[in-house]
Amino acid sequence: MAGEPQTDCLFCKIVSGDIPATIVRESATTVAFRDINPQAPTHVLIIPRLHHPDAASLAAAAPEVAADVLREAGEVAAAEGIEAGGYRVVFNTGSGAGQTVFHAHAHVLGGRGLQWPPG
């Protein structure tokens, strides 16, 4: 059920501490940690503590938590020193868009030039 921890969800297990991650920030509603397969010098994932399968369902069910995820993206960028040079925040929604873990999450990418459209 949305909002409830899922026993088979990798990110729910990171939130609970059952799976280790390199945590860079935590708030009451979010956890931010380094991606294990970084696509840029800075690549941090920000996840809500609540389980929602994607960004759209998170925004519909808990818009305040979706806002927290975006706010934390800015905080991560500042803390990582990429705010001034620019950074990208990406939400992949669905397997066709590259989503591999079906727990809403934002990617914060920076530290190098980011072309558009992405490669």
N, C-alpha and C. Protein backbone atom coordinates (compact mmCIF):
# COMPACT_ATOMS: atom_id res chain seq x y z
N MET A 1 0.84 -1.18 0.00
CA MET A 1 0.00 0.00 0.00
C MET A 1 0.89 1.25 0.00
N ALA A 2 0.50 2.25 -0.76
CA ALA A 2 1.27 3.49 -0.82
C ALA A 2 1.37 4.11 0.57
N GLY A 3 2.52 4.66 0.87
CA GLY A 3 2.75 5.29 2.16
C GLY A 3 3.30 4.34 3.20
N GLU A 4 3.07 3.06 3.03
CA GLU A 4 3.53 2.06 3.98
C GLU A 4 4.83 1.43 3.49
N PRO A 5 5.77 1.11 4.38
CA PRO A 5 7.00 0.43 3.96
C PRO A 5 6.68 -0.89 3.26
N GLN A 6 7.44 -1.18 2.21
CA GLN A 6 7.28 -2.42 1.46
C GLN A 6 8.47 -3.32 1.77
N THR A 7 8.20 -4.57 2.11
CA THR A 7 9.27 -5.47 2.51
C THR A 7 10.21 -5.82 1.36
N ASP A 8 9.75 -5.68 0.12
CA ASP A 8 10.58 -6.02 -1.04
C ASP A 8 11.19 -4.79 -1.72
N CYS A 9 11.14 -3.63 -1.07
CA CYS A 9 11.62 -2.38 -1.66
C CYS A 9 13.02 -2.02 -1.14
N LEU A 10 13.96 -1.91 -2.06
CA LEU A 10 15.33 -1.55 -1.71
C LEU A 10 15.39 -0.24 -0.92
N PHE A 11 14.68 0.78 -1.39
CA PHE A 11 14.75 2.08 -0.72
C PHE A 11 14.06 2.08 0.63
N CYS A 12 12.99 1.31 0.79
CA CYS A 12 12.38 1.17 2.12
C CYS A 12 13.37 0.55 3.09
N LYS A 13 14.18 -0.40 2.59
CA LYS A 13 15.18 -1.04 3.44
C LYS A 13 16.31 -0.08 3.79
N ILE A 14 16.63 0.86 2.91
CA ILE A 14 17.62 1.90 3.24
C ILE A 14 17.05 2.82 4.30
N VAL A 15 15.79 3.22 4.15
CA VAL A 15 15.14 4.09 5.15
C VAL A 15 15.16 3.42 6.52
N SER A 16 14.88 2.12 6.57
CA SER A 16 14.82 1.41 7.85
C SER A 16 16.19 1.08 8.42
N GLY A 17 17.25 1.23 7.60
CA GLY A 17 18.59 0.90 8.05
C GLY A 17 18.97 -0.55 7.83
N ASP A 18 18.09 -1.32 7.20
CA ASP A 18 18.38 -2.73 6.94
C ASP A 18 19.42 -2.92 5.83
N ILE A 19 19.53 -1.95 4.94
CA ILE A 19 20.55 -1.96 3.89
C ILE A 19 21.37 -0.69 4.06
N PRO A 20 22.69 -0.80 4.10
CA PRO A 20 23.51 0.40 4.28
C PRO A 20 23.56 1.27 3.02
N ALA A 21 23.75 2.54 3.23
CA ALA A 21 23.93 3.50 2.15
C ALA A 21 24.80 4.62 2.69
N THR A 22 25.43 5.36 1.79
CA THR A 22 26.22 6.51 2.20
C THR A 22 25.27 7.71 2.28
N ILE A 23 24.75 7.92 3.47
CA ILE A 23 23.77 8.98 3.73
C ILE A 23 24.49 10.33 3.75
N VAL A 24 23.94 11.31 3.03
CA VAL A 24 24.52 12.65 3.04
C VAL A 24 23.62 13.66 3.77
N ARG A 25 22.33 13.39 3.84
CA ARG A 25 21.38 14.26 4.55
C ARG A 25 20.19 13.42 4.97
N GLU A 26 19.57 13.83 6.07
CA GLU A 26 18.31 13.24 6.50
C GLU A 26 17.43 14.35 7.03
N SER A 27 16.15 14.20 6.80
CA SER A 27 15.17 15.10 7.41
C SER A 27 14.06 14.23 7.98
N ALA A 28 13.06 14.85 8.54
CA ALA A 28 11.95 14.09 9.09
C ALA A 28 11.21 13.30 8.01
N THR A 29 11.26 13.79 6.77
CA THR A 29 10.47 13.16 5.70
C THR A 29 11.31 12.55 4.58
N THR A 30 12.63 12.82 4.56
CA THR A 30 13.47 12.37 3.44
C THR A 30 14.79 11.79 3.91
N VAL A 31 15.41 11.03 3.00
CA VAL A 31 16.77 10.53 3.18
C VAL A 31 17.49 10.77 1.87
N ALA A 32 18.70 11.30 1.94
CA ALA A 32 19.52 11.54 0.74
C ALA A 32 20.80 10.72 0.87
N PHE A 33 21.14 10.01 -0.20
CA PHE A 33 22.33 9.16 -0.17
C PHE A 33 22.97 9.09 -1.55
N ARG A 34 24.24 8.72 -1.58
CA ARG A 34 25.00 8.65 -2.83
C ARG A 34 24.53 7.46 -3.67
N ASP A 35 24.41 7.71 -4.97
CA ASP A 35 24.05 6.65 -5.91
C ASP A 35 25.22 5.67 -6.02
N ILE A 36 24.94 4.37 -6.06
CA ILE A 36 26.03 3.39 -6.15
C ILE A 36 26.58 3.27 -7.57
N ASN A 37 25.89 3.86 -8.55
CA ASN A 37 26.35 3.86 -9.94
C ASN A 37 26.28 5.30 -10.46
N PRO A 38 27.16 6.18 -9.96
CA PRO A 38 27.03 7.60 -10.27
C PRO A 38 27.21 7.91 -11.75
N GLN A 39 26.36 8.83 -12.22
CA GLN A 39 26.41 9.28 -13.61
C GLN A 39 27.03 10.67 -13.74
N ALA A 40 27.49 11.23 -12.65
CA ALA A 40 28.16 12.53 -12.60
C ALA A 40 29.01 12.55 -11.33
N PRO A 41 29.96 13.49 -11.25
CA PRO A 41 30.77 13.56 -10.02
C PRO A 41 29.93 13.66 -8.75
N THR A 42 28.83 14.39 -8.82
CA THR A 42 27.85 14.39 -7.72
C THR A 42 26.60 13.71 -8.23
N HIS A 43 26.20 12.65 -7.58
CA HIS A 43 24.96 11.94 -7.92
C HIS A 43 24.37 11.42 -6.62
N VAL A 44 23.39 12.15 -6.13
CA VAL A 44 22.76 11.85 -4.85
C VAL A 44 21.28 11.57 -5.11
N LEU A 45 20.76 10.55 -4.47
CA LEU A 45 19.33 10.23 -4.53
C LEU A 45 18.65 10.78 -3.30
N ILE A 46 17.49 11.36 -3.50
CA ILE A 46 16.67 11.83 -2.39
C ILE A 46 15.36 11.07 -2.44
N ILE A 47 15.05 10.39 -1.35
CA ILE A 47 13.84 9.58 -1.30
C ILE A 47 12.96 10.03 -0.14
N PRO A 48 11.65 9.91 -0.31
CA PRO A 48 10.77 10.13 0.83
C PRO A 48 10.84 8.92 1.75
N ARG A 49 10.67 9.14 3.02
CA ARG A 49 10.63 8.02 3.96
C ARG A 49 9.40 7.15 3.71
N LEU A 50 8.33 7.76 3.22
CA LEU A 50 7.11 7.04 2.88
C LEU A 50 7.28 6.36 1.53
N HIS A 51 6.69 5.19 1.37
CA HIS A 51 6.77 4.49 0.09
C HIS A 51 5.65 4.95 -0.85
N HIS A 52 6.05 5.45 -1.99
CA HIS A 52 5.17 5.74 -3.11
C HIS A 52 5.92 5.29 -4.34
N PRO A 53 5.27 4.66 -5.30
CA PRO A 53 5.99 4.04 -6.41
C PRO A 53 6.68 5.00 -7.36
N ASP A 54 6.23 6.24 -7.44
CA ASP A 54 6.87 7.19 -8.35
C ASP A 54 6.53 8.62 -7.91
N ALA A 55 7.15 9.58 -8.59
CA ALA A 55 6.99 10.98 -8.20
C ALA A 55 5.55 11.46 -8.34
N ALA A 56 4.87 11.03 -9.39
CA ALA A 56 3.49 11.47 -9.60
C ALA A 56 2.58 10.99 -8.48
N SER A 57 2.73 9.72 -8.08
CA SER A 57 1.88 9.22 -6.99
C SER A 57 2.24 9.87 -5.66
N LEU A 58 3.51 10.18 -5.46
CA LEU A 58 3.92 10.90 -4.25
C LEU A 58 3.27 12.28 -4.22
N ALA A 59 3.36 13.00 -5.33
CA ALA A 59 2.80 14.35 -5.38
C ALA A 59 1.29 14.35 -5.17
N ALA A 60 0.60 13.34 -5.70
CA ALA A 60 -0.85 13.27 -5.54
C ALA A 60 -1.24 12.93 -4.10
N ALA A 61 -0.51 12.03 -3.47
CA ALA A 61 -0.87 11.56 -2.13
C ALA A 61 -0.31 12.42 -1.01
N ALA A 62 0.88 12.98 -1.22
CA ALA A 62 1.57 13.72 -0.15
C ALA A 62 2.35 14.89 -0.76
N PRO A 63 1.63 15.90 -1.26
CA PRO A 63 2.32 17.01 -1.93
C PRO A 63 3.35 17.72 -1.05
N GLU A 64 3.12 17.75 0.24
CA GLU A 64 4.08 18.40 1.13
C GLU A 64 5.39 17.61 1.19
N VAL A 65 5.32 16.30 1.09
CA VAL A 65 6.53 15.48 1.08
C VAL A 65 7.24 15.61 -0.26
N ALA A 66 6.48 15.69 -1.35
CA ALA A 66 7.09 15.94 -2.66
C ALA A 66 7.85 17.26 -2.64
N ALA A 67 7.27 18.27 -2.01
CA ALA A 67 7.95 19.56 -1.88
C ALA A 67 9.21 19.42 -1.03
N ASP A 68 9.16 18.60 0.01
CA ASP A 68 10.34 18.36 0.84
C ASP A 68 11.46 17.73 0.02
N VAL A 69 11.13 16.79 -0.86
CA VAL A 69 12.14 16.16 -1.71
C VAL A 69 12.82 17.23 -2.56
N LEU A 70 12.06 18.11 -3.17
CA LEU A 70 12.64 19.17 -3.99
C LEU A 70 13.46 20.16 -3.16
N ARG A 71 12.97 20.49 -1.99
CA ARG A 71 13.72 21.39 -1.10
C ARG A 71 15.06 20.76 -0.72
N GLU A 72 15.03 19.48 -0.41
CA GLU A 72 16.27 18.77 -0.06
C GLU A 72 17.23 18.71 -1.25
N ALA A 73 16.70 18.65 -2.47
CA ALA A 73 17.57 18.67 -3.65
C ALA A 73 18.41 19.94 -3.66
N GLY A 74 17.80 21.06 -3.36
CA GLY A 74 18.54 22.32 -3.28
C GLY A 74 19.55 22.31 -2.15
N GLU A 75 19.19 21.74 -1.02
CA GLU A 75 20.10 21.66 0.12
C GLU A 75 21.30 20.77 -0.19
N VAL A 76 21.04 19.66 -0.88
CA VAL A 76 22.13 18.75 -1.28
C VAL A 76 23.05 19.48 -2.24
N ALA A 77 22.49 20.17 -3.23
CA ALA A 77 23.32 20.89 -4.20
C ALA A 77 24.21 21.91 -3.50
N ALA A 78 23.67 22.63 -2.55
CA ALA A 78 24.46 23.62 -1.80
C ALA A 78 25.56 22.93 -0.99
N ALA A 79 25.20 21.88 -0.28
CA ALA A 79 26.17 21.17 0.56
C ALA A 79 27.27 20.52 -0.27
N GLU A 80 26.94 20.07 -1.47
CA GLU A 80 27.90 19.41 -2.35
C GLU A 80 28.73 20.40 -3.17
N GLY A 81 28.41 21.70 -3.06
CA GLY A 81 29.17 22.72 -3.77
C GLY A 81 28.88 22.81 -5.26
N ILE A 82 27.72 22.34 -5.69
CA ILE A 82 27.38 22.38 -7.13
C ILE A 82 26.28 23.39 -7.44
N GLU A 83 25.79 24.07 -6.44
CA GLU A 83 24.68 24.99 -6.62
C GLU A 83 25.02 26.11 -7.61
N ALA A 84 26.17 26.73 -7.47
CA ALA A 84 26.53 27.87 -8.32
C ALA A 84 26.79 27.45 -9.76
N GLY A 85 27.37 26.27 -9.96
CA GLY A 85 27.70 25.81 -11.30
C GLY A 85 26.53 25.18 -12.04
N GLY A 86 25.47 24.91 -11.34
CA GLY A 86 24.29 24.30 -11.93
C GLY A 86 24.22 22.81 -11.65
N TYR A 87 23.01 22.33 -11.57
CA TYR A 87 22.77 20.92 -11.30
C TYR A 87 21.42 20.53 -11.89
N ARG A 88 21.19 19.26 -11.97
CA ARG A 88 19.95 18.74 -12.53
C ARG A 88 19.25 17.89 -11.47
N VAL A 89 17.93 18.00 -11.43
CA VAL A 89 17.10 17.15 -10.59
C VAL A 89 16.22 16.34 -11.54
N VAL A 90 16.31 15.00 -11.43
CA VAL A 90 15.60 14.11 -12.35
C VAL A 90 14.73 13.14 -11.56
N PHE A 91 13.49 13.00 -12.02
CA PHE A 91 12.58 11.96 -11.53
C PHE A 91 12.30 11.04 -12.72
N ASN A 92 12.72 9.79 -12.65
CA ASN A 92 12.36 8.82 -13.68
C ASN A 92 11.06 8.16 -13.23
N THR A 93 10.09 8.11 -14.13
CA THR A 93 8.79 7.54 -13.80
C THR A 93 8.46 6.45 -14.80
N GLY A 94 8.50 5.20 -14.35
CA GLY A 94 8.22 4.06 -15.20
C GLY A 94 9.48 3.45 -15.79
N SER A 95 9.41 2.16 -16.07
CA SER A 95 10.58 1.46 -16.58
C SER A 95 11.04 2.00 -17.92
N GLY A 96 10.12 2.49 -18.75
CA GLY A 96 10.49 3.06 -20.04
C GLY A 96 11.32 4.33 -19.91
N ALA A 97 11.26 4.97 -18.76
CA ALA A 97 12.04 6.19 -18.51
C ALA A 97 13.29 5.88 -17.69
N GLY A 98 13.54 4.61 -17.42
CA GLY A 98 14.75 4.23 -16.68
C GLY A 98 14.56 4.02 -15.19
N GLN A 99 13.33 4.06 -14.70
CA GLN A 99 13.12 3.81 -13.27
C GLN A 99 13.34 2.33 -13.00
N THR A 100 14.24 2.03 -12.07
CA THR A 100 14.53 0.63 -11.74
C THR A 100 14.11 0.28 -10.31
N VAL A 101 13.98 1.28 -9.46
CA VAL A 101 13.48 1.06 -8.09
C VAL A 101 12.17 1.83 -8.00
N PHE A 102 11.09 1.12 -7.74
CA PHE A 102 9.77 1.73 -7.77
C PHE A 102 9.36 2.26 -6.39
N HIS A 103 10.19 3.19 -5.94
CA HIS A 103 9.98 4.00 -4.74
C HIS A 103 10.37 5.39 -5.22
N ALA A 104 9.48 6.36 -5.10
CA ALA A 104 9.74 7.70 -5.61
C ALA A 104 11.13 8.18 -5.18
N HIS A 105 11.85 8.79 -6.11
CA HIS A 105 13.16 9.34 -5.77
C HIS A 105 13.60 10.35 -6.80
N ALA A 106 14.37 11.31 -6.34
CA ALA A 106 14.96 12.33 -7.20
C ALA A 106 16.46 12.10 -7.27
N HIS A 107 17.00 12.25 -8.47
CA HIS A 107 18.44 12.22 -8.67
C HIS A 107 18.93 13.66 -8.71
N VAL A 108 19.94 13.99 -7.94
CA VAL A 108 20.61 15.29 -8.02
C VAL A 108 21.96 15.02 -8.68
N LEU A 109 22.15 15.62 -9.84
CA LEU A 109 23.36 15.39 -10.64
C LEU A 109 24.07 16.72 -10.88
N GLY A 110 25.38 16.71 -10.75
CA GLY A 110 26.15 17.91 -11.03
C GLY A 110 27.64 17.64 -10.93
N GLY A 111 28.40 18.71 -11.05
CA GLY A 111 29.85 18.58 -10.97
C GLY A 111 30.50 18.41 -12.32
N ARG A 112 29.72 18.43 -13.38
CA ARG A 112 30.23 18.37 -14.76
C ARG A 112 29.16 19.01 -15.64
N GLY A 113 29.53 19.30 -16.89
CA GLY A 113 28.55 19.82 -17.83
C GLY A 113 27.47 18.78 -18.10
N LEU A 114 26.25 19.21 -18.11
CA LEU A 114 25.11 18.32 -18.36
C LEU A 114 24.43 18.81 -19.63
N GLN A 115 24.56 18.05 -20.68
CA GLN A 115 24.00 18.43 -21.98
C GLN A 115 22.50 18.15 -22.04
N TRP A 116 21.85 18.84 -22.98
CA TRP A 116 20.44 18.58 -23.22
C TRP A 116 20.23 18.41 -24.70
N PRO A 117 19.53 17.41 -25.15
CA PRO A 117 18.94 16.37 -24.31
C PRO A 117 20.00 15.43 -23.76
N PRO A 118 19.67 14.75 -22.65
CA PRO A 118 20.66 13.82 -22.07
C PRO A 118 20.95 12.70 -23.05
N GLY A 119 22.14 12.13 -22.90
CA GLY A 119 22.60 11.08 -23.81
C GLY A 119 22.02 9.78 -23.64
